[in-house]
PDB file of N, CA and C in Angstrom:
ATOM      1  N   LEU A   1       1.010  -1.292   0.152  1.00  0.00           N
ATOM      2  CA  LEU A   1       0.474  -0.241   0.073  1.00  0.00           C
ATOM      3  C   LEU A   1       0.525   1.635  -0.235  1.00  0.00           C
ATOM      4  N   PRO A   2       0.856   2.324  -0.893  1.00  0.00           N
ATOM      5  CA  PRO A   2       1.255   3.122  -1.075  1.00  0.00           C
ATOM      6  C   PRO A   2       1.050   4.276   0.534  1.00  0.00           C
ATOM      7  N   ILE A   3       1.939   4.210   1.553  1.00  0.00           N
ATOM      8  CA  ILE A   3       1.995   5.345   2.713  1.00  0.00           C
ATOM      9  C   ILE A   3       2.720   6.419   2.578  1.00  0.00           C
ATOM     10  N   SER A   4       2.211   7.916   2.541  1.00  0.00           N
ATOM     11  CA  SER A   4       2.865   8.635   2.270  1.00  0.00           C
ATOM     12  C   SER A   4       2.837   9.487   4.117  1.00  0.00           C
ATOM     13  N   LYS A   5       4.130  10.167   4.052  1.00  0.00           N
ATOM     14  CA  LYS A   5       4.421  11.133   4.998  1.00  0.00           C
ATOM     15  C   LYS A   5       4.652  12.779   4.483  1.00  0.00           C
ATOM     16  N   ASN A   6       3.487  13.530   5.401  1.00  0.00           N
ATOM     17  CA  ASN A   6       3.620  14.984   4.406  1.00  0.00           C
ATOM     18  C   ASN A   6       2.797  15.007   3.887  1.00  0.00           C
ATOM     19  N   MET A   7       1.818  14.206   3.468  1.00  0.00           N
ATOM     20  CA  MET A   7       0.678  13.976   1.731  1.00  0.00           C
ATOM     21  C   MET A   7       0.239  15.597   1.716  1.00  0.00           C
ATOM     22  N   HIS A   8       0.555  15.750   0.694  1.00  0.00           N
ATOM     23  CA  HIS A   8      -0.847  16.968   0.179  1.00  0.00           C
ATOM     24  C   HIS A   8      -1.139  16.711  -1.452  1.00  0.00           C
ATOM     25  N   LEU A   9      -2.646  16.669  -0.998  1.00  0.00           N
ATOM     26  CA  LEU A   9      -3.483  15.976  -2.354  1.00  0.00           C
ATOM     27  C   LEU A   9      -4.144  16.767  -2.894  1.00  0.00           C
ATOM     28  N   THR A  10      -3.801  17.033  -4.522  1.00  0.00           N
ATOM     29  CA  THR A  10      -5.053  18.444  -4.899  1.00  0.00           C
ATOM     30  C   THR A  10      -5.606  17.409  -5.807  1.00  0.00           C
ATOM     31  N   LEU A  11      -7.112  17.883  -5.806  1.00  0.00           N
ATOM     32  CA  LEU A  11      -7.853  17.046  -6.691  1.00  0.00           C
ATOM     33  C   LEU A  11      -8.285  17.942  -7.724  1.00  0.00           C
ATOM     34  N   PHE A  12      -8.201  18.122  -9.152  1.00  0.00           N
ATOM     35  CA  PHE A  12      -8.662  18.963 -10.009  1.00  0.00           C
ATOM     36  C   PHE A  12     -10.283  18.826 -10.050  1.00  0.00           C
ATOM     37  N   THR A  13     -10.836  19.577 -10.877  1.00  0.00           N
ATOM     38  CA  THR A  13     -12.352  19.328 -11.081  1.00  0.00           C
ATOM     39  C   THR A  13     -12.227  18.608 -12.252  1.00  0.00           C
ATOM     40  N   ASP A  14     -13.470  17.991 -13.136  1.00  0.00           N
ATOM     41  CA  ASP A  14     -13.718  17.362 -14.315  1.00  0.00           C
ATOM     42  C   ASP A  14     -13.874  17.424 -15.236  1.00  0.00           C
ATOM     43  N   ASP A  15     -13.881  19.040 -15.050  1.00  0.00           N
ATOM     44  CA  ASP A  15     -14.713  19.814 -16.168  1.00  0.00           C
ATOM     45  C   ASP A  15     -13.185  20.035 -17.459  1.00  0.00           C
ATOM     46  N   GLY A  16     -12.174  19.615 -16.833  1.00  0.00           N
ATOM     47  CA  GLY A  16     -11.385  20.215 -17.864  1.00  0.00           C
ATOM     48  C   GLY A  16     -10.524  21.762 -17.730  1.00  0.00           C
ATOM     49  N   SER A  17     -11.160  22.649 -16.921  1.00  0.00           N
ATOM     50  CA  SER A  17     -10.713  23.828 -16.156  1.00  0.00           C
ATOM     51  C   SER A  17      -8.850  23.941 -16.096  1.00  0.00           C
ATOM     52  N   GLY A  18      -8.858  23.119 -15.115  1.00  0.00           N
ATOM     53  CA  GLY A  18      -8.038  22.875 -14.774  1.00  0.00           C
ATOM     54  C   GLY A  18      -7.732  23.643 -12.763  1.00  0.00           C
ATOM     55  N   ARG A  19      -8.942  23.808 -12.324  1.00  0.00           N
ATOM     56  CA  ARG A  19      -9.519  24.864 -11.480  1.00  0.00           C
ATOM     57  C   ARG A  19      -9.234  23.835 -10.119  1.00  0.00           C
ATOM     58  N   ILE A  20      -8.970  23.662  -8.960  1.00  0.00           N
ATOM     59  CA  ILE A  20      -8.546  22.728  -7.708  1.00  0.00           C
ATOM     60  C   ILE A  20     -10.273  22.945  -7.739  1.00  0.00           C
ATOM     61  N   ASP A  21      -9.773  21.693  -6.984  1.00  0.00           N
ATOM     62  CA  ASP A  21     -11.755  21.296  -6.563  1.00  0.00           C
ATOM     63  C   ASP A  21     -11.446  21.254  -4.844  1.00  0.00           C
ATOM     64  N   CYS A  22     -10.406  20.317  -4.606  1.00  0.00           N
ATOM     65  CA  CYS A  22      -9.855  20.143  -2.730  1.00  0.00           C
ATOM     66  C   CYS A  22      -8.549  19.871  -3.061  1.00  0.00           C
ATOM     67  N   ILE A  23      -8.034  20.306  -1.621  1.00  0.00           N
ATOM     68  CA  ILE A  23      -6.763  20.332  -1.095  1.00  0.00           C
ATOM     69  C   ILE A  23      -6.655  18.961   0.316  1.00  0.00           C
ATOM     70  N   LEU A  24      -6.380  18.016   0.253  1.00  0.00           N
ATOM     71  CA  LEU A  24      -6.406  17.665   1.287  1.00  0.00           C
ATOM     72  C   LEU A  24      -4.594  17.080   2.609  1.00  0.00           C
ATOM     73  N   MET A  25      -4.260  17.236   3.158  1.00  0.00           N
ATOM     74  CA  MET A  25      -3.178  17.818   3.567  1.00  0.00           C
ATOM     75  C   MET A  25      -3.220  16.492   5.182  1.00  0.00           C
ATOM     76  N   SER A  26      -2.453  16.067   5.206  1.00  0.00           N
ATOM     77  CA  SER A  26      -2.324  15.057   6.383  1.00  0.00           C
ATOM     78  C   SER A  26      -0.333  14.709   6.759  1.00  0.00           C
ATOM     79  N   PRO A  27      -0.402  14.761   8.517  1.00  0.00           N
ATOM     80  CA  PRO A  27       1.116  14.245   8.279  1.00  0.00           C
ATOM     81  C   PRO A  27       1.102  12.795   7.853  1.00  0.00           C
ATOM     82  N   LEU A  28       0.473  11.892   7.455  1.00  0.00           N
ATOM     83  CA  LEU A  28       0.649  11.062   7.534  1.00  0.00           C
ATOM     84  C   LEU A  28      -0.753   9.748   6.647  1.00  0.00           C
ATOM     85  N   ALA A  29      -0.575   9.102   5.589  1.00  0.00           N
ATOM     86  CA  ALA A  29      -1.653   8.632   5.110  1.00  0.00           C
ATOM     87  C   ALA A  29      -1.313   7.468   4.006  1.00  0.00           C
ATOM     88  N   THR A  30      -2.532   6.506   4.198  1.00  0.00           N
ATOM     89  CA  THR A  30      -2.079   5.477   3.277  1.00  0.00           C
ATOM     90  C   THR A  30      -3.858   5.901   2.187  1.00  0.00           C
ATOM     91  N   ALA A  31      -2.971   5.386   1.164  1.00  0.00           N
ATOM     92  CA  ALA A  31      -3.849   5.625  -0.244  1.00  0.00           C
ATOM     93  C   ALA A  31      -4.333   3.960  -0.795  1.00  0.00           C
ATOM     94  N   TYR A  32      -5.054   3.621  -0.579  1.00  0.00           N
ATOM     95  CA  TYR A  32      -6.094   2.342  -1.466  1.00  0.00           C
ATOM     96  C   TYR A  32      -6.257   2.922  -2.804  1.00  0.00           C
ATOM     97  N   THR A  33      -5.745   2.845  -3.550  1.00  0.00           N
ATOM     98  CA  THR A  33      -6.093   3.441  -4.858  1.00  0.00           C
ATOM     99  C   THR A  33      -7.103   2.904  -6.352  1.00  0.00           C
ATOM    100  N   ASP A  34      -7.208   1.187  -5.642  1.00  0.00           N
ATOM    101  CA  ASP A  34      -8.143   0.008  -6.350  1.00  0.00           C
ATOM    102  C   ASP A  34      -9.537   0.749  -5.755  1.00  0.00           C
ATOM    103  N   LYS A  35     -10.153   1.223  -4.403  1.00  0.00           N
ATOM    104  CA  LYS A  35     -11.132   1.650  -4.119  1.00  0.00           C
ATOM    105  C   LYS A  35     -11.264   2.934  -3.983  1.00  0.00           C
ATOM    106  N   GLN A  36     -10.408   4.483  -4.274  1.00  0.00           N
ATOM    107  CA  GLN A  36     -10.088   5.112  -4.508  1.00  0.00           C
ATOM    108  C   GLN A  36     -10.634   6.223  -2.891  1.00  0.00           C
ATOM    109  N   ILE A  37      -9.933   5.480  -2.442  1.00  0.00           N
ATOM    110  CA  ILE A  37      -9.757   6.078  -0.506  1.00  0.00           C
ATOM    111  C   ILE A  37      -8.462   6.335   0.126  1.00  0.00           C
ATOM    112  N   VAL A  38      -8.782   7.877   0.535  1.00  0.00           N
ATOM    113  CA  VAL A  38      -7.338   7.867   1.094  1.00  0.00           C
ATOM    114  C   VAL A  38      -7.200   7.668   2.149  1.00  0.00           C
ATOM    115  N   THR A  39      -6.784   7.706   3.714  1.00  0.00           N
ATOM    116  CA  THR A  39      -7.297   7.212   5.075  1.00  0.00           C
ATOM    117  C   THR A  39      -5.885   7.992   5.735  1.00  0.00           C
ATOM    118  N   GLY A  40      -6.179   8.309   7.127  1.00  0.00           N
ATOM    119  CA  GLY A  40      -4.994   8.456   7.936  1.00  0.00           C
ATOM    120  C   GLY A  40      -5.417   8.607   9.403  1.00  0.00           C
ATOM    121  N   PRO A  41      -4.465   7.909  10.158  1.00  0.00           N
ATOM    122  CA  PRO A  41      -4.717   8.231  11.805  1.00  0.00           C
ATOM    123  C   PRO A  41      -4.445   9.252  12.533  1.00  0.00           C
ATOM    124  N   GLU A  42      -3.822   9.897  12.117  1.00  0.00           N
ATOM    125  CA  GLU A  42      -3.525  11.061  12.341  1.00  0.00           C
ATOM    126  C   GLU A  42      -4.154  12.417  11.576  1.00  0.00           C
ATOM    127  N   SER A  43      -3.850  13.343  11.662  1.00  0.00           N
ATOM    128  CA  SER A  43      -4.588  15.099  11.467  1.00  0.00           C
ATOM    129  C   SER A  43      -5.245  15.164  10.093  1.00  0.00           C
ATOM    130  N   VAL A  44      -5.738  15.943   9.486  1.00  0.00           N
ATOM    131  CA  VAL A  44      -5.723  16.223   8.314  1.00  0.00           C
ATOM    132  C   VAL A  44      -6.586  17.386   8.039  1.00  0.00           C
ATOM    133  N   ARG A  45      -6.524  17.999   7.520  1.00  0.00           N
ATOM    134  CA  ARG A  45      -6.885  19.220   6.488  1.00  0.00           C
ATOM    135  C   ARG A  45      -7.420  19.219   4.929  1.00  0.00           C
ATOM    136  N   PHE A  46      -8.514  19.472   5.152  1.00  0.00           N
ATOM    137  CA  PHE A  46      -9.645  19.137   4.194  1.00  0.00           C
ATOM    138  C   PHE A  46     -10.085  20.683   3.684  1.00  0.00           C
ATOM    139  N   MET A  47      -9.349  20.903   2.478  1.00  0.00           N
ATOM    140  CA  MET A  47     -10.172  22.966   1.724  1.00  0.00           C
ATOM    141  C   MET A  47     -11.182  22.548   0.619  1.00  0.00           C
ATOM    142  N   ARG A  48     -11.602  23.175   0.397  1.00  0.00           N
ATOM    143  CA  ARG A  48     -12.598  23.854  -1.155  1.00  0.00           C
ATOM    144  C   ARG A  48     -12.879  25.073  -0.836  1.00  0.00           C
ATOM    145  N   ASP A  49     -12.938  26.442  -2.011  1.00  0.00           N
ATOM    146  CA  ASP A  49     -13.347  27.254  -1.737  1.00  0.00           C
ATOM    147  C   ASP A  49     -14.523  27.836  -0.785  1.00  0.00           C
ATOM    148  N   ASP A  50     -14.962  27.085  -0.082  1.00  0.00           N
ATOM    149  CA  ASP A  50     -16.344  26.690   0.334  1.00  0.00           C
ATOM    150  C   ASP A  50     -16.218  26.667   1.368  1.00  0.00           C
ATOM    151  N   ILE A  51     -15.485  25.568   2.138  1.00  0.00           N
ATOM    152  CA  ILE A  51     -15.717  25.086   3.286  1.00  0.00           C
ATOM    153  C   ILE A  51     -14.377  24.272   3.799  1.00  0.00           C
ATOM    154  N   GLU A  52     -14.110  24.415   5.000  1.00  0.00           N
ATOM    155  CA  GLU A  52     -12.617  23.940   5.807  1.00  0.00           C
ATOM    156  C   GLU A  52     -12.687  23.198   6.542  1.00  0.00           C
ATOM    157  N   VAL A  53     -12.692  21.700   6.361  1.00  0.00           N
ATOM    158  CA  VAL A  53     -12.769  20.474   7.477  1.00  0.00           C
ATOM    159  C   VAL A  53     -11.463  20.376   7.907  1.00  0.00           C
ATOM    160  N   THR A  54     -10.871  20.296   9.270  1.00  0.00           N
ATOM    161  CA  THR A  54      -9.945  19.691  10.072  1.00  0.00           C
ATOM    162  C   THR A  54     -10.111  18.273  10.961  1.00  0.00           C
ATOM    163  N   GLY A  55      -9.695  17.796  11.958  1.00  0.00           N
ATOM    164  CA  GLY A  55      -9.817  16.398  12.520  1.00  0.00           C
ATOM    165  C   GLY A  55      -8.987  15.602  12.444  1.00  0.00           C
ATOM    166  N   GLU A  56      -9.026  14.268  12.885  1.00  0.00           N
ATOM    167  CA  GLU A  56      -8.371  13.711  13.166  1.00  0.00           C
ATOM    168  C   GLU A  56      -8.762  12.304  13.057  1.00  0.00           C
ATOM    169  N   GLN A  57      -7.825  11.184  12.622  1.00  0.00           N
ATOM    170  CA  GLN A  57      -8.711  10.101  12.125  1.00  0.00           C
ATOM    171  C   GLN A  57      -9.647   9.785  11.127  1.00  0.00           C
ATOM    172  N   TRP A  58      -9.051   9.677  10.369  1.00  0.00           N
ATOM    173  CA  TRP A  58     -10.342  10.042   8.758  1.00  0.00           C
ATOM    174  C   TRP A  58      -9.978   9.106   7.468  1.00  0.00           C
ATOM    175  N   THR A  59     -10.947   9.597   6.961  1.00  0.00           N
ATOM    176  CA  THR A  59     -10.991   8.708   5.459  1.00  0.00           C
ATOM    177  C   THR A  59     -11.769   9.746   4.568  1.00  0.00           C
ATOM    178  N   TYR A  60     -11.068   9.384   3.308  1.00  0.00           N
ATOM    179  CA  TYR A  60     -11.464  10.424   2.164  1.00  0.00           C
ATOM    180  C   TYR A  60     -11.992   9.421   0.674  1.00  0.00           C
ATOM    181  N   PHE A  61     -13.597   9.350   0.527  1.00  0.00           N
ATOM    182  CA  PHE A  61     -14.181   9.056  -0.355  1.00  0.00           C
ATOM    183  C   PHE A  61     -13.663   9.454  -1.706  1.00  0.00           C
ATOM    184  N   HIS A  62     -13.359   8.672  -2.433  1.00  0.00           N
ATOM    185  CA  HIS A  62     -13.168   9.664  -3.359  1.00  0.00           C
ATOM    186  C   HIS A  62     -14.137   9.935  -4.819  1.00  0.00           C
ATOM    187  N   LYS A  63     -14.759   8.929  -4.843  1.00  0.00           N
ATOM    188  CA  LYS A  63     -15.750   8.436  -5.264  1.00  0.00           C
ATOM    189  C   LYS A  63     -17.277   9.401  -4.887  1.00  0.00           C
ATOM    190  N   GLU A  64     -17.320   9.367  -3.644  1.00  0.00           N
ATOM    191  CA  GLU A  64     -18.422  10.342  -2.951  1.00  0.00           C
ATOM    192  C   GLU A  64     -18.010  11.142  -3.010  1.00  0.00           C
ATOM    193  N   LYS A  65     -16.496  11.973  -2.868  1.00  0.00           N
ATOM    194  CA  LYS A  65     -16.016  13.287  -2.698  1.00  0.00           C
ATOM    195  C   LYS A  65     -16.490  13.237  -1.256  1.00  0.00           C
ATOM    196  N   ARG A  66     -16.384  12.790  -0.099  1.00  0.00           N
ATOM    197  CA  ARG A  66     -16.788  12.787   1.183  1.00  0.00           C
ATOM    198  C   ARG A  66     -15.641  12.711   2.124  1.00  0.00           C
ATOM    199  N   VAL A  67     -15.774  13.650   3.063  1.00  0.00           N
ATOM    200  CA  VAL A  67     -14.530  12.914   4.225  1.00  0.00           C
ATOM    201  C   VAL A  67     -15.447  12.661   5.702  1.00  0.00           C
ATOM    202  N   LEU A  68     -15.147  11.682   6.342  1.00  0.00           N
ATOM    203  CA  LEU A  68     -15.645  10.474   7.272  1.00  0.00           C
ATOM    204  C   LEU A  68     -14.202  11.246   8.324  1.00  0.00           C
ATOM    205  N   ILE A  69     -14.465  11.531   9.677  1.00  0.00           N
ATOM    206  CA  ILE A  69     -13.667  11.990  10.527  1.00  0.00           C
ATOM    207  C   ILE A  69     -14.044  11.856  12.040  1.00  0.00           C
ATOM    208  N   LYS A  70     -13.115  10.799  12.392  1.00  0.00           N
ATOM    209  CA  LYS A  70     -13.689  10.141  13.764  1.00  0.00           C
ATOM    210  C   LYS A  70     -13.537  11.183  15.265  1.00  0.00           C
ATOM    211  N   ASN A  71     -12.452  11.914  14.797  1.00  0.00           N
ATOM    212  CA  ASN A  71     -11.908  12.949  16.502  1.00  0.00           C
ATOM    213  C   ASN A  71     -11.747  13.890  16.181  1.00  0.00           C
ATOM    214  N   ASN A  72     -12.020  15.349  17.056  1.00  0.00           N
ATOM    215  CA  ASN A  72     -12.110  16.454  16.769  1.00  0.00           C
ATOM    216  C   ASN A  72     -12.509  17.140  15.490  1.00  0.00           C
ATOM    217  N   ALA A  73     -13.391  17.204  15.178  1.00  0.00           N
ATOM    218  CA  ALA A  73     -14.045  17.678  13.872  1.00  0.00           C
ATOM    219  C   ALA A  73     -13.773  19.090  13.598  1.00  0.00           C
ATOM    220  N   HIS A  74     -13.669  19.821  13.533  1.00  0.00           N
ATOM    221  CA  HIS A  74     -13.962  20.721  13.247  1.00  0.00           C
ATOM    222  C   HIS A  74     -14.256  21.689  11.731  1.00  0.00           C
ATOM    223  N   VAL A  75     -14.995  22.486  11.068  1.00  0.00           N
ATOM    224  CA  VAL A  75     -16.045  23.013  10.185  1.00  0.00           C
ATOM    225  C   VAL A  75     -16.062  24.219  10.309  1.00  0.00           C
ATOM    226  N   THR A  76     -15.650  24.692   9.273  1.00  0.00           N
ATOM    227  CA  THR A  76     -15.637  26.287   9.052  1.00  0.00           C
ATOM    228  C   THR A  76     -16.168  26.372   7.239  1.00  0.00           C
ATOM    229  N   PHE A  77     -17.404  26.803   7.694  1.00  0.00           N
ATOM    230  CA  PHE A  77     -17.967  27.379   6.221  1.00  0.00           C
ATOM    231  C   PHE A  77     -17.358  28.705   5.863  1.00  0.00           C
ATOM    232  N   ARG A  78     -17.148  28.367   4.282  1.00  0.00           N
ATOM    233  CA  ARG A  78     -16.630  30.114   4.162  1.00  0.00           C
ATOM    234  C   ARG A  78     -18.215  30.905   3.198  1.00  0.00           C
ATOM    235  N   ASP A  79     -19.356  30.195   3.509  1.00  0.00           N
ATOM    236  CA  ASP A  79     -20.285  31.072   2.321  1.00  0.00           C
ATOM    237  C   ASP A  79     -21.485  31.399   3.361  1.00  0.00           C
ATOM    238  N   GLU A  80     -22.479  31.931   2.618  1.00  0.00           N
ATOM    239  CA  GLU A  80     -23.637  32.586   3.593  1.00  0.00           C
ATOM    240  C   GLU A  80     -24.524  31.189   4.157  1.00  0.00           C
ATOM    241  N   LEU A  81     -24.582  30.904   5.120  1.00  0.00           N
ATOM    242  CA  LEU A  81     -25.567  29.849   5.344  1.00  0.00           C
ATOM    243  C   LEU A  81     -27.033  30.511   5.948  1.00  0.00           C
ATOM    244  N   LYS A  82     -28.223  30.359   5.048  1.00  0.00           N
ATOM    245  CA  LYS A  82     -29.233  31.670   4.813  1.00  0.00           C
ATOM    246  C   LYS A  82     -30.255  30.586   6.142  1.00  0.00           C
ATOM    247  N   ASP A  83     -30.557  31.348   6.840  1.00  0.00           N
ATOM    248  CA  ASP A  83     -31.831  30.618   7.831  1.00  0.00           C
ATOM    249  C   ASP A  83     -31.509  29.225   8.905  1.00  0.00           C
ATOM    250  N   LEU A  84     -30.075  28.799   8.878  1.00  0.00           N
ATOM    251  CA  LEU A  84     -29.545  28.150   9.636  1.00  0.00           C
ATOM    252  C   LEU A  84     -30.306  27.935  10.702  1.00  0.00           C
ATOM    253  N   ILE A  85     -30.171  28.753  12.067  1.00  0.00           N
ATOM    254  CA  ILE A  85     -30.947  28.536  13.045  1.00  0.00           C
ATOM    255  C   ILE A  85     -32.229  29.611  12.867  1.00  0.00           C
ATOM    256  N   LYS A  86     -33.163  29.239  13.301  1.00  0.00           N
ATOM    257  CA  LYS A  86     -34.532  30.617  13.134  1.00  0.00           C
ATOM    258  C   LYS A  86     -35.335  29.719  14.632  1.00  0.00           C
TER     259      LYS A  86
END
């Protein structure tokens, strides 16, 4: 299995524009390329234009474009959340 120290993974949009879709950074990660999953026991920082997520003990599912964080999850929205609390 490919294990990466100081992983910095940049994923681009599928539209051919060359724009960055998201960035994942972690001090330690394992990539399961056949399943399109990257996971790590330590911290992760997941960034997109509209959101930033940090936490520990994480898994990124590329097919679903979803991050699962088991510990110390912190989410920062960079967009307006209308009517979130009424």
